[in-house]
Amino acid sequence: MQNFVTLFNKNYLIRGLLLYDSLRKNLKNFKLYIITFDNFTYDFLVKKNYKEIVPIKLEHFEDKDLLKAKKNRNPTEYFWTCSGSTILYLFKKKNIVYCIYLDADIYFFA
């Protein structure tokens, strides 16, 4: 199984869903872990119950170091700060040993 992780809020929800759709068209066995940066995105993904998507609430993802950094960054800077921690989170919390980070606005054609 291939594991991927991304993060976004409702402003990138449609892009994230297009990323998911492109993965489904090109892979048979994968999980897409999504760190949701707002409740709207989390609730939407939970309600839709996509087979290969695992939504994760931001407050479950954030650790003390990220929360400390959050105080000194604007929302966009904090978002990009978090991207580097997504894989580490999955290694620690989900016991995943292999994962690829993807920006939410990527689309795979083949």
PDB file of N, CA and C in Angstrom:
ATOM      1  N   MET A   1       0.843  -1.182   0.000  1.00  0.00           N
ATOM      2  CA  MET A   1       0.000   0.000   0.000  1.00  0.00           C
ATOM      3  C   MET A   1       0.888   1.245   0.000  1.00  0.00           C
ATOM      4  N   GLN A   2       0.484   2.217  -0.786  1.00  0.00           N
ATOM      5  CA  GLN A   2       1.180   3.494  -0.824  1.00  0.00           C
ATOM      6  C   GLN A   2       0.465   4.464   0.101  1.00  0.00           C
ATOM      7  N   ASN A   3       1.240   5.232   0.860  1.00  0.00           N
ATOM      8  CA  ASN A   3       0.697   6.223   1.777  1.00  0.00           C
ATOM      9  C   ASN A   3       1.122   7.613   1.345  1.00  0.00           C
ATOM     10  N   PHE A   4       0.150   8.501   1.349  1.00  0.00           N
ATOM     11  CA  PHE A   4       0.387   9.901   1.009  1.00  0.00           C
ATOM     12  C   PHE A   4      -0.220  10.769   2.097  1.00  0.00           C
ATOM     13  N   VAL A   5       0.310  11.956   2.246  1.00  0.00           N
ATOM     14  CA  VAL A   5      -0.242  12.906   3.206  1.00  0.00           C
ATOM     15  C   VAL A   5      -0.241  14.291   2.578  1.00  0.00           C
ATOM     16  N   THR A   6      -1.262  15.049   2.911  1.00  0.00           N
ATOM     17  CA  THR A   6      -1.371  16.436   2.479  1.00  0.00           C
ATOM     18  C   THR A   6      -2.076  17.213   3.574  1.00  0.00           C
ATOM     19  N   LEU A   7      -2.178  18.500   3.423  1.00  0.00           N
ATOM     20  CA  LEU A   7      -2.892  19.320   4.383  1.00  0.00           C
ATOM     21  C   LEU A   7      -3.530  20.492   3.663  1.00  0.00           C
ATOM     22  N   PHE A   8      -4.732  20.834   4.098  1.00  0.00           N
ATOM     23  CA  PHE A   8      -5.429  21.978   3.503  1.00  0.00           C
ATOM     24  C   PHE A   8      -6.648  22.346   4.329  1.00  0.00           C
ATOM     25  N   ASN A   9      -7.232  23.495   3.974  1.00  0.00           N
ATOM     26  CA  ASN A   9      -8.485  23.952   4.587  1.00  0.00           C
ATOM     27  C   ASN A   9      -9.544  24.042   3.492  1.00  0.00           C
ATOM     28  N   LYS A  10     -10.678  24.623   3.835  1.00  0.00           N
ATOM     29  CA  LYS A  10     -11.794  24.663   2.881  1.00  0.00           C
ATOM     30  C   LYS A  10     -11.463  25.430   1.606  1.00  0.00           C
ATOM     31  N   ASN A  11     -10.500  26.338   1.673  1.00  0.00           N
ATOM     32  CA  ASN A  11     -10.118  27.084   0.474  1.00  0.00           C
ATOM     33  C   ASN A  11      -9.435  26.203  -0.568  1.00  0.00           C
ATOM     34  N   TYR A  12      -8.865  25.086  -0.143  1.00  0.00           N
ATOM     35  CA  TYR A  12      -8.205  24.162  -1.055  1.00  0.00           C
ATOM     36  C   TYR A  12      -8.927  22.825  -1.148  1.00  0.00           C
ATOM     37  N   LEU A  13     -10.115  22.743  -0.599  1.00  0.00           N
ATOM     38  CA  LEU A  13     -10.850  21.477  -0.581  1.00  0.00           C
ATOM     39  C   LEU A  13     -11.052  20.912  -1.983  1.00  0.00           C
ATOM     40  N   ILE A  14     -11.472  21.720  -2.920  1.00  0.00           N
ATOM     41  CA  ILE A  14     -11.723  21.214  -4.270  1.00  0.00           C
ATOM     42  C   ILE A  14     -10.418  20.726  -4.909  1.00  0.00           C
ATOM     43  N   ARG A  15      -9.315  21.432  -4.646  1.00  0.00           N
ATOM     44  CA  ARG A  15      -8.023  20.985  -5.177  1.00  0.00           C
ATOM     45  C   ARG A  15      -7.613  19.661  -4.547  1.00  0.00           C
ATOM     46  N   GLY A  16      -7.815  19.543  -3.243  1.00  0.00           N
ATOM     47  CA  GLY A  16      -7.497  18.300  -2.555  1.00  0.00           C
ATOM     48  C   GLY A  16      -8.325  17.130  -3.061  1.00  0.00           C
ATOM     49  N   LEU A  17      -9.577  17.388  -3.384  1.00  0.00           N
ATOM     50  CA  LEU A  17     -10.428  16.329  -3.933  1.00  0.00           C
ATOM     51  C   LEU A  17      -9.992  15.946  -5.348  1.00  0.00           C
ATOM     52  N   LEU A  18      -9.503  16.901  -6.106  1.00  0.00           N
ATOM     53  CA  LEU A  18      -8.960  16.587  -7.426  1.00  0.00           C
ATOM     54  C   LEU A  18      -7.675  15.765  -7.305  1.00  0.00           C
ATOM     55  N   LEU A  19      -6.841  16.100  -6.331  1.00  0.00           N
ATOM     56  CA  LEU A  19      -5.658  15.277  -6.061  1.00  0.00           C
ATOM     57  C   LEU A  19      -6.091  13.847  -5.762  1.00  0.00           C
ATOM     58  N   TYR A  20      -7.071  13.688  -4.875  1.00  0.00           N
ATOM     59  CA  TYR A  20      -7.590  12.369  -4.517  1.00  0.00           C
ATOM     60  C   TYR A  20      -8.104  11.633  -5.757  1.00  0.00           C
ATOM     61  N   ASP A  21      -8.867  12.325  -6.580  1.00  0.00           N
ATOM     62  CA  ASP A  21      -9.414  11.710  -7.794  1.00  0.00           C
ATOM     63  C   ASP A  21      -8.288  11.242  -8.725  1.00  0.00           C
ATOM     64  N   SER A  22      -7.244  12.041  -8.843  1.00  0.00           N
ATOM     65  CA  SER A  22      -6.136  11.647  -9.720  1.00  0.00           C
ATOM     66  C   SER A  22      -5.392  10.437  -9.158  1.00  0.00           C
ATOM     67  N   LEU A  23      -5.283  10.346  -7.844  1.00  0.00           N
ATOM     68  CA  LEU A  23      -4.671   9.160  -7.244  1.00  0.00           C
ATOM     69  C   LEU A  23      -5.521   7.925  -7.513  1.00  0.00           C
ATOM     70  N   ARG A  24      -6.832   8.066  -7.371  1.00  0.00           N
ATOM     71  CA  ARG A  24      -7.737   6.935  -7.617  1.00  0.00           C
ATOM     72  C   ARG A  24      -7.660   6.441  -9.060  1.00  0.00           C
ATOM     73  N   LYS A  25      -7.453   7.359  -9.980  1.00  0.00           N
ATOM     74  CA  LYS A  25      -7.375   6.984 -11.393  1.00  0.00           C
ATOM     75  C   LYS A  25      -6.054   6.274 -11.727  1.00  0.00           C
ATOM     76  N   ASN A  26      -5.039   6.477 -10.908  1.00  0.00           N
ATOM     77  CA  ASN A  26      -3.714   5.967 -11.239  1.00  0.00           C
ATOM     78  C   ASN A  26      -3.160   4.905 -10.298  1.00  0.00           C
ATOM     79  N   LEU A  27      -3.796   4.701  -9.158  1.00  0.00           N
ATOM     80  CA  LEU A  27      -3.317   3.717  -8.180  1.00  0.00           C
ATOM     81  C   LEU A  27      -4.463   2.828  -7.716  1.00  0.00           C
ATOM     82  N   LYS A  28      -4.116   1.622  -7.346  1.00  0.00           N
ATOM     83  CA  LYS A  28      -5.144   0.702  -6.867  1.00  0.00           C
ATOM     84  C   LYS A  28      -5.188   0.608  -5.359  1.00  0.00           C
ATOM     85  N   ASN A  29      -4.070   0.755  -4.693  1.00  0.00           N
ATOM     86  CA  ASN A  29      -4.010   0.511  -3.260  1.00  0.00           C
ATOM     87  C   ASN A  29      -3.231   1.633  -2.574  1.00  0.00           C
ATOM     88  N   PHE A  30      -3.962   2.595  -1.985  1.00  0.00           N
ATOM     89  CA  PHE A  30      -3.306   3.723  -1.336  1.00  0.00           C
ATOM     90  C   PHE A  30      -4.187   4.281  -0.230  1.00  0.00           C
ATOM     91  N   LYS A  31      -3.572   5.065   0.630  1.00  0.00           N
ATOM     92  CA  LYS A  31      -4.264   5.868   1.631  1.00  0.00           C
ATOM     93  C   LYS A  31      -3.771   7.291   1.481  1.00  0.00           C
ATOM     94  N   LEU A  32      -4.713   8.232   1.562  1.00  0.00           N
ATOM     95  CA  LEU A  32      -4.379   9.649   1.544  1.00  0.00           C
ATOM     96  C   LEU A  32      -4.781  10.230   2.896  1.00  0.00           C
ATOM     97  N   TYR A  33      -3.800  10.535   3.712  1.00  0.00           N
ATOM     98  CA  TYR A  33      -4.026  11.159   5.013  1.00  0.00           C
ATOM     99  C   TYR A  33      -4.096  12.665   4.792  1.00  0.00           C
ATOM    100  N   ILE A  34      -5.144  13.267   5.321  1.00  0.00           N
ATOM    101  CA  ILE A  34      -5.336  14.705   5.124  1.00  0.00           C
ATOM    102  C   ILE A  34      -5.421  15.389   6.484  1.00  0.00           C
ATOM    103  N   ILE A  35      -4.455  16.274   6.736  1.00  0.00           N
ATOM    104  CA  ILE A  35      -4.504  17.111   7.926  1.00  0.00           C
ATOM    105  C   ILE A  35      -5.429  18.271   7.587  1.00  0.00           C
ATOM    106  N   THR A  36      -6.556  18.344   8.274  1.00  0.00           N
ATOM    107  CA  THR A  36      -7.577  19.345   7.950  1.00  0.00           C
ATOM    108  C   THR A  36      -7.371  20.589   8.821  1.00  0.00           C
ATOM    109  N   PHE A  37      -7.250  21.711   8.187  1.00  0.00           N
ATOM    110  CA  PHE A  37      -6.964  22.959   8.883  1.00  0.00           C
ATOM    111  C   PHE A  37      -8.214  23.725   9.304  1.00  0.00           C
ATOM    112  N   ASP A  38      -9.371  23.115   9.165  1.00  0.00           N
ATOM    113  CA  ASP A  38     -10.603  23.706   9.697  1.00  0.00           C
ATOM    114  C   ASP A  38     -11.642  22.599   9.880  1.00  0.00           C
ATOM    115  N   ASN A  39     -12.642  22.906  10.680  1.00  0.00           N
ATOM    116  CA  ASN A  39     -13.688  21.915  10.961  1.00  0.00           C
ATOM    117  C   ASN A  39     -14.554  21.627   9.741  1.00  0.00           C
ATOM    118  N   PHE A  40     -14.754  22.613   8.887  1.00  0.00           N
ATOM    119  CA  PHE A  40     -15.562  22.398   7.695  1.00  0.00           C
ATOM    120  C   PHE A  40     -14.971  21.268   6.851  1.00  0.00           C
ATOM    121  N   THR A  41     -13.667  21.338   6.610  1.00  0.00           N
ATOM    122  CA  THR A  41     -13.001  20.326   5.788  1.00  0.00           C
ATOM    123  C   THR A  41     -13.057  18.964   6.461  1.00  0.00           C
ATOM    124  N   TYR A  42     -12.770  18.920   7.745  1.00  0.00           N
ATOM    125  CA  TYR A  42     -12.814  17.645   8.466  1.00  0.00           C
ATOM    126  C   TYR A  42     -14.222  17.041   8.401  1.00  0.00           C
ATOM    127  N   ASP A  43     -15.229  17.836   8.736  1.00  0.00           N
ATOM    128  CA  ASP A  43     -16.609  17.337   8.743  1.00  0.00           C
ATOM    129  C   ASP A  43     -17.043  16.879   7.349  1.00  0.00           C
ATOM    130  N   PHE A  44     -16.653  17.622   6.324  1.00  0.00           N
ATOM    131  CA  PHE A  44     -16.999  17.253   4.953  1.00  0.00           C
ATOM    132  C   PHE A  44     -16.415  15.888   4.606  1.00  0.00           C
ATOM    133  N   LEU A  45     -15.137  15.696   4.889  1.00  0.00           N
ATOM    134  CA  LEU A  45     -14.468  14.437   4.544  1.00  0.00           C
ATOM    135  C   LEU A  45     -15.017  13.257   5.355  1.00  0.00           C
ATOM    136  N   VAL A  46     -15.321  13.492   6.605  1.00  0.00           N
ATOM    137  CA  VAL A  46     -15.908  12.422   7.426  1.00  0.00           C
ATOM    138  C   VAL A  46     -17.280  12.042   6.888  1.00  0.00           C
ATOM    139  N   LYS A  47     -18.070  13.037   6.552  1.00  0.00           N
ATOM    140  CA  LYS A  47     -19.417  12.776   6.030  1.00  0.00           C
ATOM    141  C   LYS A  47     -19.365  12.007   4.706  1.00  0.00           C
ATOM    142  N   LYS A  48     -18.447  12.374   3.833  1.00  0.00           N
ATOM    143  CA  LYS A  48     -18.336  11.709   2.527  1.00  0.00           C
ATOM    144  C   LYS A  48     -17.785  10.284   2.648  1.00  0.00           C
ATOM    145  N   ASN A  49     -16.968  10.045   3.677  1.00  0.00           N
ATOM    146  CA  ASN A  49     -16.462   8.704   3.965  1.00  0.00           C
ATOM    147  C   ASN A  49     -15.767   8.062   2.763  1.00  0.00           C
ATOM    148  N   TYR A  50     -14.862   8.819   2.146  1.00  0.00           N
ATOM    149  CA  TYR A  50     -14.098   8.292   1.024  1.00  0.00           C
ATOM    150  C   TYR A  50     -13.252   7.111   1.499  1.00  0.00           C
ATOM    151  N   LYS A  51     -13.244   6.063   0.722  1.00  0.00           N
ATOM    152  CA  LYS A  51     -12.582   4.819   1.109  1.00  0.00           C
ATOM    153  C   LYS A  51     -11.094   5.003   1.429  1.00  0.00           C
ATOM    154  N   GLU A  52     -10.379   5.759   0.626  1.00  0.00           N
ATOM    155  CA  GLU A  52      -8.930   5.872   0.770  1.00  0.00           C
ATOM    156  C   GLU A  52      -8.469   7.112   1.545  1.00  0.00           C
ATOM    157  N   ILE A  53      -9.397   7.933   2.001  1.00  0.00           N
ATOM    158  CA  ILE A  53      -9.024   9.156   2.722  1.00  0.00           C
ATOM    159  C   ILE A  53      -9.150   8.954   4.229  1.00  0.00           C
ATOM    160  N   VAL A  54      -8.114   9.407   4.941  1.00  0.00           N
ATOM    161  CA  VAL A  54      -8.137   9.411   6.405  1.00  0.00           C
ATOM    162  C   VAL A  54      -7.986  10.865   6.855  1.00  0.00           C
ATOM    163  N   PRO A  55      -9.104  11.515   7.227  1.00  0.00           N
ATOM    164  CA  PRO A  55      -9.009  12.903   7.687  1.00  0.00           C
ATOM    165  C   PRO A  55      -8.481  12.969   9.124  1.00  0.00           C
ATOM    166  N   ILE A  56      -7.658  13.969   9.387  1.00  0.00           N
ATOM    167  CA  ILE A  56      -7.073  14.156  10.712  1.00  0.00           C
ATOM    168  C   ILE A  56      -7.301  15.605  11.124  1.00  0.00           C
ATOM    169  N   LYS A  57      -7.898  15.797  12.292  1.00  0.00           N
ATOM    170  CA  LYS A  57      -8.126  17.154  12.795  1.00  0.00           C
ATOM    171  C   LYS A  57      -6.807  17.833  13.130  1.00  0.00           C
ATOM    172  N   LEU A  58      -6.759  19.117  12.881  1.00  0.00           N
ATOM    173  CA  LEU A  58      -5.549  19.889  13.142  1.00  0.00           C
ATOM    174  C   LEU A  58      -5.110  19.754  14.599  1.00  0.00           C
ATOM    175  N   GLU A  59      -6.052  19.814  15.536  1.00  0.00           N
ATOM    176  CA  GLU A  59      -5.683  19.755  16.952  1.00  0.00           C
ATOM    177  C   GLU A  59      -5.130  18.385  17.363  1.00  0.00           C
ATOM    178  N   HIS A  60      -5.417  17.353  16.593  1.00  0.00           N
ATOM    179  CA  HIS A  60      -4.817  16.040  16.865  1.00  0.00           C
ATOM    180  C   HIS A  60      -3.402  15.959  16.300  1.00  0.00           C
ATOM    181  N   PHE A  61      -3.144  16.755  15.305  1.00  0.00           N
ATOM    182  CA  PHE A  61      -1.846  16.777  14.628  1.00  0.00           C
ATOM    183  C   PHE A  61      -0.825  17.664  15.340  1.00  0.00           C
ATOM    184  N   GLU A  62      -1.279  18.811  15.813  1.00  0.00           N
ATOM    185  CA  GLU A  62      -0.363  19.793  16.393  1.00  0.00           C
ATOM    186  C   GLU A  62       0.286  19.267  17.677  1.00  0.00           C
ATOM    187  N   ASP A  63       1.600  19.495  17.778  1.00  0.00           N
ATOM    188  CA  ASP A  63       2.313  19.163  19.000  1.00  0.00           C
ATOM    189  C   ASP A  63       2.812  20.464  19.637  1.00  0.00           C
ATOM    190  N   LYS A  64       3.520  20.341  20.751  1.00  0.00           N
ATOM    191  CA  LYS A  64       3.938  21.550  21.474  1.00  0.00           C
ATOM    192  C   LYS A  64       4.872  22.431  20.643  1.00  0.00           C
ATOM    193  N   ASP A  65       5.728  21.804  19.834  1.00  0.00           N
ATOM    194  CA  ASP A  65       6.641  22.595  19.004  1.00  0.00           C
ATOM    195  C   ASP A  65       5.900  23.369  17.920  1.00  0.00           C
ATOM    196  N   LEU A  66       4.922  22.720  17.294  1.00  0.00           N
ATOM    197  CA  LEU A  66       4.130  23.426  16.278  1.00  0.00           C
ATOM    198  C   LEU A  66       3.307  24.541  16.907  1.00  0.00           C
ATOM    199  N   LEU A  67       2.711  24.278  18.057  1.00  0.00           N
ATOM    200  CA  LEU A  67       1.916  25.313  18.721  1.00  0.00           C
ATOM    201  C   LEU A  67       2.784  26.501  19.119  1.00  0.00           C
ATOM    202  N   LYS A  68       4.020  26.242  19.496  1.00  0.00           N
ATOM    203  CA  LYS A  68       4.952  27.334  19.807  1.00  0.00           C
ATOM    204  C   LYS A  68       5.251  28.143  18.548  1.00  0.00           C
ATOM    205  N   ALA A  69       5.507  27.459  17.441  1.00  0.00           N
ATOM    206  CA  ALA A  69       5.786  28.135  16.175  1.00  0.00           C
ATOM    207  C   ALA A  69       4.571  28.924  15.689  1.00  0.00           C
ATOM    208  N   LYS A  70       3.386  28.406  15.963  1.00  0.00           N
ATOM    209  CA  LYS A  70       2.143  29.043  15.513  1.00  0.00           C
ATOM    210  C   LYS A  70       2.012  30.469  16.044  1.00  0.00           C
ATOM    211  N   LYS A  71       2.551  30.711  17.226  1.00  0.00           N
ATOM    212  CA  LYS A  71       2.467  32.027  17.860  1.00  0.00           C
ATOM    213  C   LYS A  71       3.270  33.079  17.108  1.00  0.00           C
ATOM    214  N   ASN A  72       4.286  32.648  16.363  1.00  0.00           N
ATOM    215  CA  ASN A  72       5.197  33.578  15.696  1.00  0.00           C
ATOM    216  C   ASN A  72       5.031  33.638  14.190  1.00  0.00           C
ATOM    217  N   ARG A  73       3.949  33.044  13.669  1.00  0.00           N
ATOM    218  CA  ARG A  73       3.772  32.997  12.215  1.00  0.00           C
ATOM    219  C   ARG A  73       2.353  33.414  11.830  1.00  0.00           C
ATOM    220  N   ASN A  74       2.229  33.963  10.644  1.00  0.00           N
ATOM    221  CA  ASN A  74       0.883  34.233  10.147  1.00  0.00           C
ATOM    222  C   ASN A  74       0.312  32.905   9.646  1.00  0.00           C
ATOM    223  N   PRO A  75      -0.989  32.840   9.349  1.00  0.00           N
ATOM    224  CA  PRO A  75      -1.599  31.561   8.958  1.00  0.00           C
ATOM    225  C   PRO A  75      -0.910  30.866   7.772  1.00  0.00           C
ATOM    226  N   THR A  76      -0.500  31.616   6.771  1.00  0.00           N
ATOM    227  CA  THR A  76       0.151  31.002   5.613  1.00  0.00           C
ATOM    228  C   THR A  76       1.519  30.443   5.995  1.00  0.00           C
ATOM    229  N   GLU A  77       2.288  31.200   6.749  1.00  0.00           N
ATOM    230  CA  GLU A  77       3.595  30.714   7.191  1.00  0.00           C
ATOM    231  C   GLU A  77       3.446  29.466   8.058  1.00  0.00           C
ATOM    232  N   TYR A  78       2.451  29.471   8.920  1.00  0.00           N
ATOM    233  CA  TYR A  78       2.239  28.312   9.792  1.00  0.00           C
ATOM    234  C   TYR A  78       1.849  27.084   8.974  1.00  0.00           C
ATOM    235  N   PHE A  79       1.012  27.288   7.993  1.00  0.00           N
ATOM    236  CA  PHE A  79       0.604  26.184   7.121  1.00  0.00           C
ATOM    237  C   PHE A  79       1.833  25.503   6.529  1.00  0.00           C
ATOM    238  N   TRP A  80       2.757  26.282   5.977  1.00  0.00           N
ATOM    239  CA  TRP A  80       3.959  25.707   5.353  1.00  0.00           C
ATOM    240  C   TRP A  80       4.908  25.149   6.386  1.00  0.00           C
ATOM    241  N   THR A  81       4.916  25.699   7.580  1.00  0.00           N
ATOM    242  CA  THR A  81       5.710  25.129   8.671  1.00  0.00           C
ATOM    243  C   THR A  81       5.251  23.717   8.985  1.00  0.00           C
ATOM    244  N   CYS A  82       3.948  23.505   8.949  1.00  0.00           N
ATOM    245  CA  CYS A  82       3.378  22.200   9.297  1.00  0.00           C
ATOM    246  C   CYS A  82       3.662  21.116   8.273  1.00  0.00           C
ATOM    247  N   SER A  83       3.868  21.482   7.025  1.00  0.00           N
ATOM    248  CA  SER A  83       4.021  20.456   5.993  1.00  0.00           C
ATOM    249  C   SER A  83       5.176  19.503   6.301  1.00  0.00           C
ATOM    250  N   GLY A  84       6.248  20.006   6.846  1.00  0.00           N
ATOM    251  CA  GLY A  84       7.381  19.151   7.174  1.00  0.00           C
ATOM    252  C   GLY A  84       7.117  18.177   8.307  1.00  0.00           C
ATOM    253  N   SER A  85       6.125  18.454   9.127  1.00  0.00           N
ATOM    254  CA  SER A  85       5.816  17.596  10.272  1.00  0.00           C
ATOM    255  C   SER A  85       4.783  16.517   9.970  1.00  0.00           C
ATOM    256  N   THR A  86       4.178  16.571   8.801  1.00  0.00           N
ATOM    257  CA  THR A  86       3.091  15.622   8.509  1.00  0.00           C
ATOM    258  C   THR A  86       3.566  14.179   8.487  1.00  0.00           C
ATOM    259  N   ILE A  87       4.680  13.933   7.846  1.00  0.00           N
ATOM    260  CA  ILE A  87       5.184  12.560   7.749  1.00  0.00           C
ATOM    261  C   ILE A  87       5.633  12.066   9.123  1.00  0.00           C
ATOM    262  N   LEU A  88       6.304  12.905   9.872  1.00  0.00           N
ATOM    263  CA  LEU A  88       6.723  12.525  11.220  1.00  0.00           C
ATOM    264  C   LEU A  88       5.512  12.153  12.080  1.00  0.00           C
ATOM    265  N   TYR A  89       4.445  12.932  11.961  1.00  0.00           N
ATOM    266  CA  TYR A  89       3.208  12.624  12.701  1.00  0.00           C
ATOM    267  C   TYR A  89       2.710  11.219  12.353  1.00  0.00           C
ATOM    268  N   LEU A  90       2.671  10.891  11.065  1.00  0.00           N
ATOM    269  CA  LEU A  90       2.183   9.573  10.650  1.00  0.00           C
ATOM    270  C   LEU A  90       3.107   8.459  11.123  1.00  0.00           C
ATOM    271  N   PHE A  91       4.409   8.697  11.107  1.00  0.00           N
ATOM    272  CA  PHE A  91       5.344   7.695  11.612  1.00  0.00           C
ATOM    273  C   PHE A  91       5.068   7.404  13.089  1.00  0.00           C
ATOM    274  N   LYS A  92       4.857   8.467  13.857  1.00  0.00           N
ATOM    275  CA  LYS A  92       4.676   8.316  15.305  1.00  0.00           C
ATOM    276  C   LYS A  92       3.280   7.839  15.693  1.00  0.00           C
ATOM    277  N   LYS A  93       2.261   8.420  15.100  1.00  0.00           N
ATOM    278  CA  LYS A  93       0.889   8.180  15.560  1.00  0.00           C
ATOM    279  C   LYS A  93       0.167   7.067  14.822  1.00  0.00           C
ATOM    280  N   LYS A  94       0.542   6.804  13.578  1.00  0.00           N
ATOM    281  CA  LYS A  94      -0.168   5.809  12.768  1.00  0.00           C
ATOM    282  C   LYS A  94       0.707   4.607  12.430  1.00  0.00           C
ATOM    283  N   ASN A  95       1.938   4.604  12.954  1.00  0.00           N
ATOM    284  CA  ASN A  95       2.870   3.496  12.715  1.00  0.00           C
ATOM    285  C   ASN A  95       3.102   3.221  11.234  1.00  0.00           C
ATOM    286  N   ILE A  96       3.158   4.270  10.465  1.00  0.00           N
ATOM    287  CA  ILE A  96       3.435   4.157   9.029  1.00  0.00           C
ATOM    288  C   ILE A  96       4.941   4.287   8.841  1.00  0.00           C
ATOM    289  N   VAL A  97       5.517   3.436   8.021  1.00  0.00           N
ATOM    290  CA  VAL A  97       6.965   3.474   7.818  1.00  0.00           C
ATOM    291  C   VAL A  97       7.359   4.085   6.472  1.00  0.00           C
ATOM    292  N   TYR A  98       6.385   4.320   5.607  1.00  0.00           N
ATOM    293  CA  TYR A  98       6.660   4.890   4.290  1.00  0.00           C
ATOM    294  C   TYR A  98       5.525   5.838   3.927  1.00  0.00           C
ATOM    295  N   CYS A  99       5.875   7.055   3.547  1.00  0.00           N
ATOM    296  CA  CYS A  99       4.842   8.038   3.213  1.00  0.00           C
ATOM    297  C   CYS A  99       5.457   9.128   2.338  1.00  0.00           C
ATOM    298  N   ILE A 100       4.636   9.670   1.459  1.00  0.00           N
ATOM    299  CA  ILE A 100       5.046  10.765   0.583  1.00  0.00           C
ATOM    300  C   ILE A 100       4.140  11.962   0.835  1.00  0.00           C
ATOM    301  N   TYR A 101       4.759  13.117   1.059  1.00  0.00           N
ATOM    302  CA  TYR A 101       3.989  14.350   1.207  1.00  0.00           C
ATOM    303  C   TYR A 101       3.637  14.887  -0.176  1.00  0.00           C
ATOM    304  N   LEU A 102       2.383  15.300  -0.339  1.00  0.00           N
ATOM    305  CA  LEU A 102       1.923  15.901  -1.594  1.00  0.00           C
ATOM    306  C   LEU A 102       1.271  17.244  -1.306  1.00  0.00           C
ATOM    307  N   ASP A 103       1.593  18.248  -2.094  1.00  0.00           N
ATOM    308  CA  ASP A 103       0.830  19.493  -2.016  1.00  0.00           C
ATOM    309  C   ASP A 103      -0.582  19.212  -2.511  1.00  0.00           C
ATOM    310  N   ALA A 104      -1.552  19.897  -1.945  1.00  0.00           N
ATOM    311  CA  ALA A 104      -2.955  19.627  -2.258  1.00  0.00           C
ATOM    312  C   ALA A 104      -3.334  19.994  -3.691  1.00  0.00           C
ATOM    313  N   ASP A 105      -2.543  20.816  -4.338  1.00  0.00           N
ATOM    314  CA  ASP A 105      -2.905  21.242  -5.699  1.00  0.00           C
ATOM    315  C   ASP A 105      -2.151  20.464  -6.787  1.00  0.00           C
ATOM    316  N   ILE A 106      -1.703  19.266  -6.461  1.00  0.00           N
ATOM    317  CA  ILE A 106      -1.058  18.395  -7.443  1.00  0.00           C
ATOM    318  C   ILE A 106      -2.129  17.532  -8.103  1.00  0.00           C
ATOM    319  N   TYR A 107      -1.942  17.251  -9.378  1.00  0.00           N
ATOM    320  CA  TYR A 107      -2.841  16.334 -10.103  1.00  0.00           C
ATOM    321  C   TYR A 107      -1.990  15.381 -10.922  1.00  0.00           C
ATOM    322  N   PHE A 108      -2.211  14.091 -10.753  1.00  0.00           N
ATOM    323  CA  PHE A 108      -1.471  13.070 -11.496  1.00  0.00           C
ATOM    324  C   PHE A 108      -2.239  12.692 -12.749  1.00  0.00           C
ATOM    325  N   PHE A 109      -1.571  12.744 -13.885  1.00  0.00           N
ATOM    326  CA  PHE A 109      -2.195  12.368 -15.159  1.00  0.00           C
ATOM    327  C   PHE A 109      -1.855  10.948 -15.554  1.00  0.00           C
ATOM    328  N   ALA A 110      -0.778  10.417 -15.046  1.00  0.00           N
ATOM    329  CA  ALA A 110      -0.374   9.039 -15.361  1.00  0.00           C
ATOM    330  C   ALA A 110       0.480   8.506 -14.241  1.00  0.00           C
TER     331      ALA A 110
END
